[in-house]
């Protein structure tokens, strides 16, 4: 979260990410689509 805030504030040029961050983002996007499709809340 600190890297994200620093990037938004302009103290960093690029967001620092890892493979686990990318995997978590994909899981979240898939859960979002599943929730929209099913109309139910998806818990991760």
N, C-alpha and C. Protein backbone atom coordinates (compact mmCIF):
# COMPACT_ATOMS: atom_id res chain seq x y z
N UNK A 1 0.82 -1.18 0.00
CA UNK A 1 0.00 0.00 0.00
C UNK A 1 0.87 1.25 0.00
N UNK A 2 1.99 1.20 0.69
CA UNK A 2 2.88 2.36 0.75
C UNK A 2 3.45 2.71 -0.61
N UNK A 3 3.79 1.70 -1.39
CA UNK A 3 4.30 1.93 -2.74
C UNK A 3 3.24 2.57 -3.62
N UNK A 4 2.00 2.11 -3.47
CA UNK A 4 0.90 2.68 -4.24
C UNK A 4 0.70 4.16 -3.90
N UNK A 5 0.68 4.46 -2.60
CA UNK A 5 0.49 5.84 -2.16
C UNK A 5 1.63 6.74 -2.64
N UNK A 6 2.86 6.24 -2.57
CA UNK A 6 4.01 7.02 -3.02
C UNK A 6 3.95 7.27 -4.52
N UNK A 7 3.48 6.31 -5.29
CA UNK A 7 3.35 6.48 -6.73
C UNK A 7 2.30 7.53 -7.05
N UNK A 8 1.16 7.46 -6.37
CA UNK A 8 0.10 8.44 -6.58
C UNK A 8 0.57 9.84 -6.20
N UNK A 9 1.35 9.95 -5.13
CA UNK A 9 1.84 11.24 -4.65
C UNK A 9 2.96 11.79 -5.52
N UNK A 10 3.49 10.96 -6.43
CA UNK A 10 4.55 11.42 -7.32
C UNK A 10 5.96 11.21 -6.78
N UNK A 11 6.09 10.51 -5.65
CA UNK A 11 7.42 10.24 -5.09
C UNK A 11 8.09 9.04 -5.74
N UNK A 12 7.32 8.25 -6.49
CA UNK A 12 7.86 7.11 -7.25
C UNK A 12 7.36 7.24 -8.68
N UNK A 13 8.18 6.79 -9.62
CA UNK A 13 7.77 6.85 -11.02
C UNK A 13 6.93 5.65 -11.42
N UNK A 14 7.17 4.52 -10.77
CA UNK A 14 6.49 3.28 -11.16
C UNK A 14 6.09 2.49 -9.92
N UNK A 15 4.92 1.90 -9.97
CA UNK A 15 4.44 1.08 -8.87
C UNK A 15 5.27 -0.19 -8.77
N UNK A 16 5.68 -0.54 -7.55
CA UNK A 16 6.46 -1.75 -7.32
C UNK A 16 5.49 -2.91 -7.14
N UNK A 17 5.58 -3.91 -7.98
CA UNK A 17 4.68 -5.06 -7.87
C UNK A 17 5.48 -6.36 -7.85
N UNK A 18 4.85 -7.39 -7.34
CA UNK A 18 5.45 -8.73 -7.33
C UNK A 18 4.48 -9.68 -8.02
N UNK A 19 4.94 -10.89 -8.25
CA UNK A 19 4.09 -11.90 -8.87
C UNK A 19 2.87 -12.19 -7.99
N UNK A 20 3.05 -12.18 -6.68
CA UNK A 20 1.90 -12.45 -5.79
C UNK A 20 0.89 -11.30 -5.85
N UNK A 21 1.36 -10.05 -6.05
CA UNK A 21 0.44 -8.92 -6.23
C UNK A 21 -0.38 -9.12 -7.50
N UNK A 22 0.28 -9.53 -8.57
CA UNK A 22 -0.41 -9.75 -9.84
C UNK A 22 -1.44 -10.87 -9.72
N UNK A 23 -1.07 -11.95 -9.03
CA UNK A 23 -1.98 -13.07 -8.85
C UNK A 23 -3.20 -12.64 -8.04
N UNK A 24 -2.99 -11.85 -6.98
CA UNK A 24 -4.10 -11.37 -6.17
C UNK A 24 -5.01 -10.47 -6.98
N UNK A 25 -4.45 -9.65 -7.85
CA UNK A 25 -5.27 -8.76 -8.68
C UNK A 25 -6.13 -9.56 -9.65
N UNK A 26 -5.57 -10.61 -10.23
CA UNK A 26 -6.34 -11.46 -11.15
C UNK A 26 -7.46 -12.18 -10.40
N UNK A 27 -7.16 -12.68 -9.20
CA UNK A 27 -8.20 -13.33 -8.38
C UNK A 27 -9.34 -12.36 -8.08
N UNK A 28 -8.99 -11.13 -7.76
CA UNK A 28 -9.99 -10.12 -7.45
C UNK A 28 -10.84 -9.80 -8.68
N UNK A 29 -10.20 -9.66 -9.84
CA UNK A 29 -10.96 -9.37 -11.06
C UNK A 29 -11.90 -10.53 -11.40
N UNK A 30 -11.42 -11.77 -11.26
CA UNK A 30 -12.27 -12.93 -11.54
C UNK A 30 -13.45 -12.99 -10.57
N UNK A 31 -13.20 -12.69 -9.29
CA UNK A 31 -14.29 -12.69 -8.31
C UNK A 31 -15.31 -11.60 -8.64
N UNK A 32 -14.83 -10.46 -9.14
CA UNK A 32 -15.74 -9.39 -9.53
C UNK A 32 -16.65 -9.84 -10.65
N UNK A 33 -16.07 -10.44 -11.68
CA UNK A 33 -16.88 -10.93 -12.80
C UNK A 33 -17.86 -12.01 -12.36
N UNK A 34 -17.39 -12.93 -11.50
CA UNK A 34 -18.28 -13.98 -10.99
C UNK A 34 -19.43 -13.38 -10.20
N UNK A 35 -19.14 -12.34 -9.41
CA UNK A 35 -20.17 -11.69 -8.62
C UNK A 35 -21.20 -11.00 -9.50
N UNK A 36 -20.74 -10.34 -10.53
CA UNK A 36 -21.66 -9.67 -11.46
C UNK A 36 -22.53 -10.70 -12.16
N UNK A 37 -21.92 -11.79 -12.60
CA UNK A 37 -22.66 -12.84 -13.33
C UNK A 37 -23.69 -13.53 -12.45
N UNK A 38 -23.27 -13.86 -11.20
CA UNK A 38 -24.16 -14.64 -10.33
C UNK A 38 -25.07 -13.76 -9.48
N UNK A 39 -24.72 -12.49 -9.31
CA UNK A 39 -25.51 -11.61 -8.47
C UNK A 39 -25.27 -11.86 -6.97
N UNK A 40 -24.24 -12.61 -6.65
CA UNK A 40 -23.94 -12.93 -5.27
C UNK A 40 -22.57 -12.35 -4.87
N UNK A 41 -22.37 -12.23 -3.57
CA UNK A 41 -21.09 -11.77 -3.04
C UNK A 41 -20.09 -12.92 -3.08
N UNK A 42 -18.91 -12.66 -3.60
CA UNK A 42 -17.86 -13.67 -3.67
C UNK A 42 -16.81 -13.31 -2.61
N UNK A 43 -16.52 -14.25 -1.73
CA UNK A 43 -15.51 -14.03 -0.69
C UNK A 43 -14.21 -14.70 -1.12
N UNK A 44 -13.14 -13.96 -0.97
CA UNK A 44 -11.81 -14.52 -1.31
C UNK A 44 -11.08 -14.94 -0.06
